[in-house]
Amino acid sequence: MRRIALLDPTAWAPVLLAWSYAVLLPFGRVSNLSVLLMAIAGGVLLWRQGRGLMTQGPNRYFGLLFLCIWLPMLVSVPDSVNLNKSLTSTALFPYLYLVGLFLIHSFREPTARTRLLTLTAWLLVFWVVDVLIQAVFGVDVFGFEPKRERLQGPFGEENLNMGLVLAMLSPLLFEHARRAWPRWAWVAAFVAVTLVVLLSSTRTAWAIYLLVVIGTLVVMARRSGANPWRLAGVALLASFVAGYVAYLQVPIVTQRLDQTLLATQGSYDKVNAATSSRLSLWKGTWRVIVHHPVNGAGVRAFRYAYPLYAPEGDTLLYTSKSGEVTGEIYAHQILLEVASETGIVGLGGLAFFYVLLVRRPWRRAKNGIGDDWPYWLGAAAWLFPLSTHTAFYSSYWSHLLWWLLAIAVAAGWGRQDDGKEPAPSHA
């Protein structure tokens, strides 16, 4: 019986499918096609191997991570402010578990992980070069111009996620550069990525990238035995130079930095302006939490709940063409988003999720840095609870987050750890 290439962890097919998701990220919902195919492959894998697949070490761990998030979503549905929205989001969410099963099966093989790392690193190089071309010539290789002066490269004029996605995936580029490139090329890549993240003019991306840089320096220092302060000094100098150039040459970066510095003046109005009305948003979010403390207002129903509790004179309310009044789509902060949409139940699930998320990599780190670190770091930097966030429950960010987590789990339980060959797939 011939082997199904898509389920063969030694073949190129699963690598290319997983990589195609990253390739399609600039095109928004088009990337859902790759996610759908991975979910189907995961479903086939589960159907063929049965319930025993779910009890294997990495799959059991990934399943626990998944349940920490999905069960509170399920609990939030019955009395949701918008039942249809919450029910649809909750009912569709389990396909991410199937995606995870496929990725874990495919990337426990070291060769597959190396292939994916290399392909993704060069994809990020292309994105970075494209954005720099856009910065110099005012248009990128696809003919896209900056949107609201934000440089987005291949992400086009409507998708403003380039800085966030690049910040999350940048550890993969840094790891590949460490393995395959001379030191000067690694430094050049670091400076270029730093500059491009700054040019994206997304402050959430800046915060994520700062955490990525700190984590990368820690890993590099531990692996090489180098002085961490020297590495930090080089990174700080390179970041300062890149930031200073962007501040002087790019008006939107100048405006965003000057706006952020308003927070140092201390008054409510200044801090609210510096955070793009986040304080007003969070005041309304707190009212949603108070009125829906146990299971929240319903997952993905925040925009419908917010108008009911928004502060008087709130500027974050919007009226559709049909006359329906809605608010901000999400709370822009993961703890507040989870608390407002899934309540105390959701916060409890998130707490267990964080414990599980930290526990496994922490144990592995005691025995040395494995090749799972760039995936853990990209996900952990986004999930850092004290930062501002994009929507935790949205499909776009859920796809990217769980893609990183699944590959991290696969690498953490790779063949070099348990010495077992993955079970073959037969037609």
Protein backbone atom coordinates (compact mmCIF):
# COMPACT_ATOMS: atom_id res chain seq x y z
CA MET A 1 0.00 0.00 0.00
CA ARG A 2 1.42 3.35 -0.98
CA ARG A 3 2.06 6.07 1.54
CA ILE A 4 -0.12 9.21 1.59
CA ALA A 5 2.40 12.00 1.11
CA LEU A 6 0.36 14.57 3.05
CA LEU A 7 0.47 12.37 6.16
CA ASP A 8 4.06 11.25 5.67
CA PRO A 9 6.26 13.28 8.06
CA THR A 10 9.34 12.49 5.96
CA ALA A 11 7.86 13.96 2.75
CA TRP A 12 7.78 17.54 1.47
CA ALA A 13 3.98 17.68 1.17
CA PRO A 14 3.15 18.47 4.85
CA VAL A 15 5.98 21.00 4.99
CA LEU A 16 4.71 22.84 1.93
CA LEU A 17 1.14 22.81 3.22
CA ALA A 18 2.17 24.26 6.59
CA TRP A 19 4.41 26.80 4.86
CA SER A 20 1.64 27.79 2.44
CA TYR A 21 -0.29 29.13 5.43
CA ALA A 22 2.54 31.57 6.18
CA VAL A 23 2.81 32.48 2.49
CA LEU A 24 -0.89 33.37 2.37
CA LEU A 25 -0.96 35.44 5.58
CA PRO A 26 -0.66 38.76 3.67
CA PHE A 27 -3.87 37.91 1.82
CA GLY A 28 -6.11 37.74 4.88
CA ARG A 29 -8.84 35.14 4.69
CA VAL A 30 -7.22 33.41 1.73
CA SER A 31 -4.90 31.78 4.29
CA ASN A 32 -7.99 29.97 5.61
CA LEU A 33 -7.67 27.61 2.65
CA SER A 34 -4.40 26.20 4.00
CA VAL A 35 -5.93 25.97 7.48
CA LEU A 36 -8.91 24.06 6.08
CA LEU A 37 -6.67 21.58 4.28
CA MET A 38 -4.60 21.03 7.44
CA ALA A 39 -7.80 20.49 9.44
CA ILE A 40 -9.00 17.90 6.91
CA ALA A 41 -5.63 16.14 7.09
CA GLY A 42 -5.85 16.18 10.89
CA GLY A 43 -9.36 14.74 10.71
CA VAL A 44 -8.18 11.93 8.42
CA LEU A 45 -5.33 11.22 10.81
CA LEU A 46 -7.71 11.06 13.78
CA TRP A 47 -10.16 8.84 11.89
CA ARG A 48 -7.41 6.40 10.91
CA GLN A 49 -5.56 6.21 14.23
CA GLY A 50 -8.57 6.57 16.53
CA ARG A 51 -8.80 7.88 20.07
CA GLY A 52 -5.34 6.57 20.89
CA LEU A 53 -3.92 9.46 18.87
CA MET A 54 -5.35 11.97 21.32
CA THR A 55 -3.70 10.28 24.31
CA GLN A 56 -0.16 10.41 22.92
CA GLY A 57 2.11 12.76 24.88
CA PRO A 58 2.27 15.80 22.57
CA ASN A 59 -1.34 15.46 21.43
CA ARG A 60 -2.58 15.16 25.00
CA TYR A 61 -0.63 18.27 26.00
CA PHE A 62 -1.89 20.21 22.99
CA GLY A 63 -5.42 19.02 23.71
CA LEU A 64 -5.21 20.36 27.28
CA LEU A 65 -4.05 23.74 25.98
CA PHE A 66 -6.96 23.73 23.56
CA LEU A 67 -9.58 22.77 26.17
CA CYS A 68 -8.42 25.57 28.47
CA ILE A 69 -9.60 28.03 25.84
CA TRP A 70 -12.48 26.21 24.16
CA LEU A 71 -14.47 25.02 27.19
CA PRO A 72 -14.95 28.58 28.55
CA MET A 73 -16.05 29.61 25.06
CA LEU A 74 -18.66 26.87 25.21
CA VAL A 75 -19.85 28.00 28.65
CA SER A 76 -20.26 31.60 27.39
CA VAL A 77 -22.75 30.65 24.67
CA PRO A 78 -26.11 30.05 26.46
CA ASP A 79 -26.74 33.67 27.56
CA SER A 80 -24.56 35.47 25.03
CA VAL A 81 -25.54 39.00 24.03
CA ASN A 82 -25.38 37.74 20.44
CA LEU A 83 -26.14 34.02 20.48
CA ASN A 84 -25.54 33.38 16.77
CA LYS A 85 -22.09 34.98 16.79
CA SER A 86 -20.95 33.13 19.92
CA LEU A 87 -22.43 29.81 18.84
CA THR A 88 -20.83 29.98 15.40
CA SER A 89 -17.41 30.94 16.78
CA THR A 90 -17.50 28.20 19.41
CA ALA A 91 -18.77 25.50 17.04
CA LEU A 92 -16.03 26.20 14.48
CA PHE A 93 -13.14 26.54 16.93
CA PRO A 94 -12.39 22.76 17.27
CA TYR A 95 -11.01 22.61 13.73
CA LEU A 96 -7.89 24.25 15.20
CA TYR A 97 -7.40 21.12 17.28
CA LEU A 98 -7.44 19.04 14.10
CA VAL A 99 -4.90 21.43 12.57
CA GLY A 100 -2.74 20.87 15.63
CA LEU A 101 -2.94 17.08 15.29
CA PHE A 102 -1.72 17.34 11.70
CA LEU A 103 1.13 19.72 12.54
CA ILE A 104 2.31 17.69 15.54
CA HIS A 105 2.30 14.51 13.46
CA SER A 106 4.18 16.21 10.61
CA PHE A 107 6.85 18.12 12.53
CA ARG A 108 8.12 15.66 15.09
CA GLU A 109 10.53 14.76 12.30
CA PRO A 110 13.67 16.98 12.57
CA THR A 111 14.12 17.16 8.80
CA ALA A 112 10.60 18.52 8.36
CA ARG A 113 11.21 21.20 10.99
CA THR A 114 14.44 22.26 9.31
CA ARG A 115 12.71 22.54 5.96
CA LEU A 116 9.88 24.63 7.39
CA LEU A 117 12.28 26.87 9.30
CA THR A 118 14.35 27.53 6.17
CA LEU A 119 11.37 28.24 3.94
CA THR A 120 9.74 30.54 6.49
CA ALA A 121 12.97 32.42 7.15
CA TRP A 122 13.43 33.20 3.46
CA LEU A 123 9.78 34.21 3.20
CA LEU A 124 10.36 36.72 6.01
CA VAL A 125 13.47 37.99 4.22
CA PHE A 126 11.30 38.67 1.18
CA TRP A 127 8.75 40.55 3.29
CA VAL A 128 11.46 42.68 4.89
CA VAL A 129 13.12 43.53 1.58
CA ASP A 130 9.73 44.35 0.04
CA VAL A 131 8.89 46.78 2.85
CA LEU A 132 12.28 48.47 2.56
CA ILE A 133 11.70 48.88 -1.20
CA GLN A 134 8.35 50.44 -0.38
CA ALA A 135 10.04 52.78 2.09
CA VAL A 136 12.57 53.98 -0.48
CA PHE A 137 10.45 54.13 -3.64
CA GLY A 138 6.96 54.66 -2.22
CA VAL A 139 5.70 51.44 -3.78
CA ASP A 140 6.59 47.79 -3.27
CA VAL A 141 7.25 45.10 -5.90
CA PHE A 142 3.50 44.37 -6.14
CA GLY A 143 2.65 48.02 -6.71
CA PHE A 144 1.22 48.55 -3.20
CA GLU A 145 1.54 52.00 -1.64
CA PRO A 146 1.62 52.69 2.11
CA LYS A 147 -1.79 52.84 3.79
CA ARG A 148 -2.20 55.87 6.06
CA GLU A 149 1.60 56.20 5.79
CA ARG A 150 2.04 52.73 7.32
CA LEU A 151 4.47 50.54 5.41
CA GLN A 152 2.93 47.09 4.91
CA GLY A 153 4.80 45.64 1.91
CA PRO A 154 3.15 42.48 0.51
CA PHE A 155 0.28 42.77 3.00
CA GLY A 156 -1.21 45.40 0.72
CA GLU A 157 -3.07 48.61 1.42
CA GLU A 158 -5.91 47.18 3.53
CA ASN A 159 -4.22 44.52 5.68
CA LEU A 160 -2.34 46.38 8.44
CA ASN A 161 -1.07 43.24 10.20
CA MET A 162 2.43 43.06 8.70
CA GLY A 163 4.29 44.41 11.75
CA LEU A 164 2.47 42.10 14.14
CA VAL A 165 2.95 39.00 12.01
CA LEU A 166 6.62 39.78 11.38
CA ALA A 167 7.24 40.38 15.09
CA MET A 168 5.71 36.99 15.96
CA LEU A 169 7.56 35.07 13.26
CA SER A 170 10.90 36.89 13.53
CA PRO A 171 12.40 34.30 15.95
CA LEU A 172 12.25 31.79 13.07
CA LEU A 173 14.36 34.08 10.90
CA PHE A 174 16.82 34.70 13.73
CA GLU A 175 17.20 30.97 14.42
CA HIS A 176 17.77 30.15 10.76
CA ALA A 177 20.30 32.99 10.47
CA ARG A 178 22.12 31.68 13.55
CA ARG A 179 22.37 28.22 12.01
CA ALA A 180 23.16 29.03 8.39
CA TRP A 181 24.49 32.56 8.01
CA PRO A 182 27.69 34.37 9.07
CA ARG A 183 27.43 36.61 12.12
CA TRP A 184 27.35 39.86 10.11
CA ALA A 185 24.33 38.58 8.17
CA TRP A 186 22.52 37.77 11.43
CA VAL A 187 23.18 41.33 12.65
CA ALA A 188 21.99 42.76 9.32
CA ALA A 189 18.82 40.68 9.53
CA PHE A 190 18.20 41.88 13.07
CA VAL A 191 18.62 45.55 12.12
CA ALA A 192 16.41 45.17 9.04
CA VAL A 193 13.62 43.41 10.93
CA THR A 194 13.78 46.01 13.70
CA LEU A 195 13.48 48.82 11.18
CA VAL A 196 10.58 47.19 9.35
CA VAL A 197 8.64 46.51 12.57
CA LEU A 198 9.10 50.19 13.46
CA LEU A 199 7.98 51.28 10.00
CA SER A 200 4.78 49.26 10.40
CA SER A 201 3.82 51.92 12.99
CA THR A 202 1.86 49.44 15.11
CA ARG A 203 2.62 49.88 18.79
CA THR A 204 1.37 46.41 19.69
CA ALA A 205 3.90 45.04 17.21
CA TRP A 206 6.60 47.13 18.88
CA ALA A 207 5.73 45.63 22.28
CA ILE A 208 5.68 42.06 20.91
CA TYR A 209 8.98 42.59 19.14
CA LEU A 210 10.62 43.97 22.29
CA LEU A 211 9.73 40.73 24.10
CA VAL A 212 11.01 38.71 21.14
CA VAL A 213 14.34 40.56 21.23
CA ILE A 214 14.72 39.96 24.97
CA GLY A 215 13.92 36.28 24.57
CA THR A 216 16.26 35.90 21.62
CA LEU A 217 19.14 37.49 23.52
CA VAL A 218 18.58 35.15 26.46
CA VAL A 219 18.64 32.11 24.16
CA MET A 220 21.74 33.30 22.31
CA ALA A 221 23.61 34.06 25.51
CA ARG A 222 22.78 30.67 26.99
CA ARG A 223 23.71 28.77 23.84
CA SER A 224 26.97 30.54 23.12
CA GLY A 225 28.06 31.26 26.66
CA ALA A 226 28.42 34.90 25.61
CA ASN A 227 28.07 37.82 27.98
CA PRO A 228 24.35 38.68 27.91
CA TRP A 229 25.07 42.33 28.69
CA ARG A 230 27.31 42.61 25.65
CA LEU A 231 24.61 41.11 23.45
CA ALA A 232 22.04 43.42 25.00
CA GLY A 233 24.28 46.39 24.33
CA VAL A 234 24.70 45.50 20.65
CA ALA A 235 20.97 44.92 20.26
CA LEU A 236 20.14 48.16 22.07
CA LEU A 237 22.53 50.14 19.89
CA ALA A 238 21.20 48.59 16.68
CA SER A 239 17.61 49.18 17.77
CA PHE A 240 18.35 52.77 18.74
CA VAL A 241 19.95 53.52 15.39
CA ALA A 242 17.07 51.91 13.48
CA GLY A 243 14.50 53.69 15.65
CA TYR A 244 16.19 57.06 15.35
CA VAL A 245 16.36 56.80 11.57
CA ALA A 246 12.67 55.84 11.42
CA TYR A 247 11.73 58.67 13.80
CA LEU A 248 13.52 61.28 11.67
CA GLN A 249 12.49 60.01 8.26
CA VAL A 250 8.98 58.54 8.64
CA PRO A 251 6.22 60.94 9.76
CA ILE A 252 3.84 58.23 10.98
CA VAL A 253 6.55 56.78 13.23
CA THR A 254 7.25 60.28 14.55
CA GLN A 255 3.55 60.80 15.24
CA ARG A 256 3.09 57.42 16.95
CA LEU A 257 6.13 57.88 19.19
CA ASP A 258 5.14 61.45 20.10
CA GLN A 259 1.62 60.25 20.85
CA THR A 260 2.97 57.47 23.08
CA LEU A 261 5.12 59.94 25.01
CA LEU A 262 1.98 61.84 26.03
CA ALA A 263 1.49 59.09 28.61
CA THR A 264 4.44 60.45 30.57
CA GLN A 265 2.44 63.61 31.34
CA GLY A 266 0.28 61.60 33.71
CA SER A 267 -3.23 63.06 33.34
CA TYR A 268 -6.18 60.85 32.36
CA ASP A 269 -6.80 62.76 29.14
CA LYS A 270 -3.14 62.60 28.10
CA VAL A 271 -2.84 58.88 28.85
CA ASN A 272 -6.13 58.22 27.07
CA ALA A 273 -4.89 60.13 24.02
CA ALA A 274 -1.52 58.35 24.16
CA THR A 275 -3.26 54.95 24.15
CA SER A 276 -5.74 55.82 21.38
CA SER A 277 -8.73 56.01 23.79
CA ARG A 278 -7.85 52.71 25.44
CA LEU A 279 -8.74 54.03 28.91
CA SER A 280 -12.25 54.88 27.76
CA LEU A 281 -12.52 51.46 26.11
CA TRP A 282 -11.33 49.68 29.23
CA LYS A 283 -13.77 51.62 31.41
CA GLY A 284 -16.63 50.38 29.26
CA THR A 285 -15.11 46.88 29.22
CA TRP A 286 -15.05 46.85 33.01
CA ARG A 287 -18.77 47.60 33.05
CA VAL A 288 -19.37 44.66 30.72
CA ILE A 289 -17.38 42.44 33.10
CA VAL A 290 -19.32 43.65 36.16
CA HIS A 291 -22.65 42.87 34.50
CA HIS A 292 -21.51 39.49 33.11
CA PRO A 293 -19.01 38.23 35.71
CA VAL A 294 -19.40 34.44 35.53
CA ASN A 295 -19.40 33.45 31.86
CA GLY A 296 -19.10 36.82 30.15
CA ALA A 297 -21.18 38.51 27.50
CA GLY A 298 -20.42 35.78 24.98
CA VAL A 299 -17.34 34.96 22.96
CA ARG A 300 -16.99 37.35 19.97
CA ALA A 301 -20.08 39.26 21.19
CA PHE A 302 -18.14 42.15 22.74
CA ARG A 303 -19.03 44.61 19.97
CA TYR A 304 -22.72 44.05 20.72
CA ALA A 305 -22.37 44.23 24.50
CA TYR A 306 -20.15 47.32 24.63
CA PRO A 307 -22.81 49.86 23.55
CA LEU A 308 -24.99 48.75 26.48
CA TYR A 309 -22.34 49.75 29.02
CA ALA A 310 -20.19 52.37 27.27
CA PRO A 311 -19.39 55.56 29.22
CA GLU A 312 -21.48 58.61 28.37
CA GLY A 313 -20.11 60.43 25.34
CA ASP A 314 -18.00 57.45 24.29
CA THR A 315 -16.38 57.94 20.89
CA LEU A 316 -15.91 54.20 20.26
CA LEU A 317 -19.50 53.54 19.20
CA TYR A 318 -20.34 53.01 15.53
CA THR A 319 -23.63 53.02 13.62
CA SER A 320 -23.97 50.69 10.65
CA LYS A 321 -25.89 51.49 7.48
CA SER A 322 -28.80 49.52 8.89
CA GLY A 323 -28.83 51.73 11.99
CA GLU A 324 -27.40 49.13 14.38
CA VAL A 325 -25.08 50.56 17.02
CA THR A 326 -21.99 48.52 17.83
CA GLY A 327 -18.74 49.16 19.67
CA GLU A 328 -15.12 48.16 19.36
CA ILE A 329 -14.75 44.57 18.18
CA TYR A 330 -12.63 43.51 21.18
CA ALA A 331 -11.07 44.94 24.34
CA HIS A 332 -7.50 45.30 22.99
CA GLN A 333 -6.10 43.55 26.07
CA ILE A 334 -6.18 39.79 26.50
CA LEU A 335 -7.18 39.64 30.18
CA LEU A 336 -9.98 42.15 29.66
CA GLU A 337 -11.08 40.47 26.43
CA VAL A 338 -11.30 37.04 28.05
CA ALA A 339 -12.99 38.41 31.20
CA SER A 340 -15.59 40.39 29.24
CA GLU A 341 -16.42 37.64 26.74
CA THR A 342 -16.07 34.45 28.83
CA GLY A 343 -16.03 35.79 32.41
CA ILE A 344 -14.37 34.26 35.45
CA VAL A 345 -14.64 30.86 33.79
CA GLY A 346 -12.55 32.15 30.90
CA LEU A 347 -9.97 33.75 33.18
CA GLY A 348 -9.62 30.45 35.02
CA GLY A 349 -9.10 28.59 31.76
CA LEU A 350 -6.59 31.19 30.63
CA ALA A 351 -4.68 30.85 33.91
CA PHE A 352 -4.37 27.07 33.45
CA PHE A 353 -3.40 27.70 29.82
CA TYR A 354 -0.54 29.97 30.93
CA VAL A 355 0.66 27.44 33.50
CA LEU A 356 0.72 24.67 30.89
CA LEU A 357 2.28 26.99 28.32
CA VAL A 358 5.22 27.87 30.58
CA ARG A 359 5.70 24.55 32.33
CA ARG A 360 6.82 22.38 29.40
CA PRO A 361 9.34 24.80 27.81
CA TRP A 362 10.70 25.67 31.26
CA ARG A 363 11.41 22.01 32.02
CA ARG A 364 13.03 21.49 28.63
CA ALA A 365 15.17 24.62 29.01
CA LYS A 366 16.84 23.10 32.07
CA ASN A 367 18.30 20.45 29.77
CA GLY A 368 19.35 22.89 27.05
CA ILE A 369 17.73 25.00 24.35
CA GLY A 370 15.94 22.87 21.77
CA ASP A 371 14.81 23.81 18.29
CA ASP A 372 11.29 24.52 19.56
CA TRP A 373 12.28 27.86 21.11
CA PRO A 374 11.48 30.21 18.19
CA TYR A 375 7.91 28.91 18.00
CA TRP A 376 7.38 29.14 21.76
CA LEU A 377 8.85 32.64 21.82
CA GLY A 378 6.70 33.93 18.96
CA ALA A 379 3.53 32.65 20.65
CA ALA A 380 4.55 33.70 24.17
CA ALA A 381 5.43 37.25 23.09
CA TRP A 382 1.94 37.67 21.64
CA LEU A 383 0.31 36.11 24.74
CA PHE A 384 2.20 38.25 27.27
CA PRO A 385 -0.66 39.27 29.59
CA LEU A 386 0.48 42.82 30.46
CA SER A 387 0.58 44.11 26.88
CA THR A 388 -2.09 45.37 24.51
CA HIS A 389 -3.35 42.77 22.06
CA THR A 390 -5.17 42.05 18.88
CA ALA A 391 -8.29 39.89 19.17
CA PHE A 392 -7.52 36.64 20.98
CA TYR A 393 -10.63 34.84 19.72
CA SER A 394 -10.49 36.10 16.11
CA SER A 395 -9.83 33.52 13.41
CA TYR A 396 -6.84 35.36 11.90
CA TRP A 397 -4.85 35.56 15.13
CA SER A 398 -6.07 32.21 16.46
CA HIS A 399 -4.78 30.53 13.32
CA LEU A 400 -1.32 32.05 13.66
CA LEU A 401 -1.11 31.48 17.41
CA TRP A 402 -2.16 27.82 17.30
CA TRP A 403 0.04 27.20 14.25
CA LEU A 404 3.04 28.32 16.28
CA LEU A 405 1.97 26.40 19.38
CA ALA A 406 1.38 23.14 17.51
CA ILE A 407 4.81 23.22 15.84
CA ALA A 408 6.42 24.12 19.17
CA VAL A 409 4.76 21.09 20.77
CA ALA A 410 5.88 18.89 17.88
CA ALA A 411 9.48 20.07 18.24
CA GLY A 412 9.32 19.64 22.01
CA TRP A 413 8.36 16.00 21.60
CA GLY A 414 10.49 15.40 18.53
CA ARG A 415 12.28 12.15 17.73
CA GLN A 416 15.44 13.33 19.44
CA ASP A 417 13.46 13.38 22.70
CA ASP A 418 11.69 10.05 22.72
CA GLY A 419 13.73 8.10 20.20
CA LYS A 420 10.60 6.74 18.53
CA GLU A 421 9.86 6.82 14.85
CA PRO A 422 6.46 8.40 14.07
CA ALA A 423 3.80 5.88 13.11
CA PRO A 424 3.68 5.43 9.32
CA SER A 425 0.66 6.50 7.33
CA HIS A 426 -0.78 4.02 4.83
CA ALA A 427 -3.43 4.48 2.21
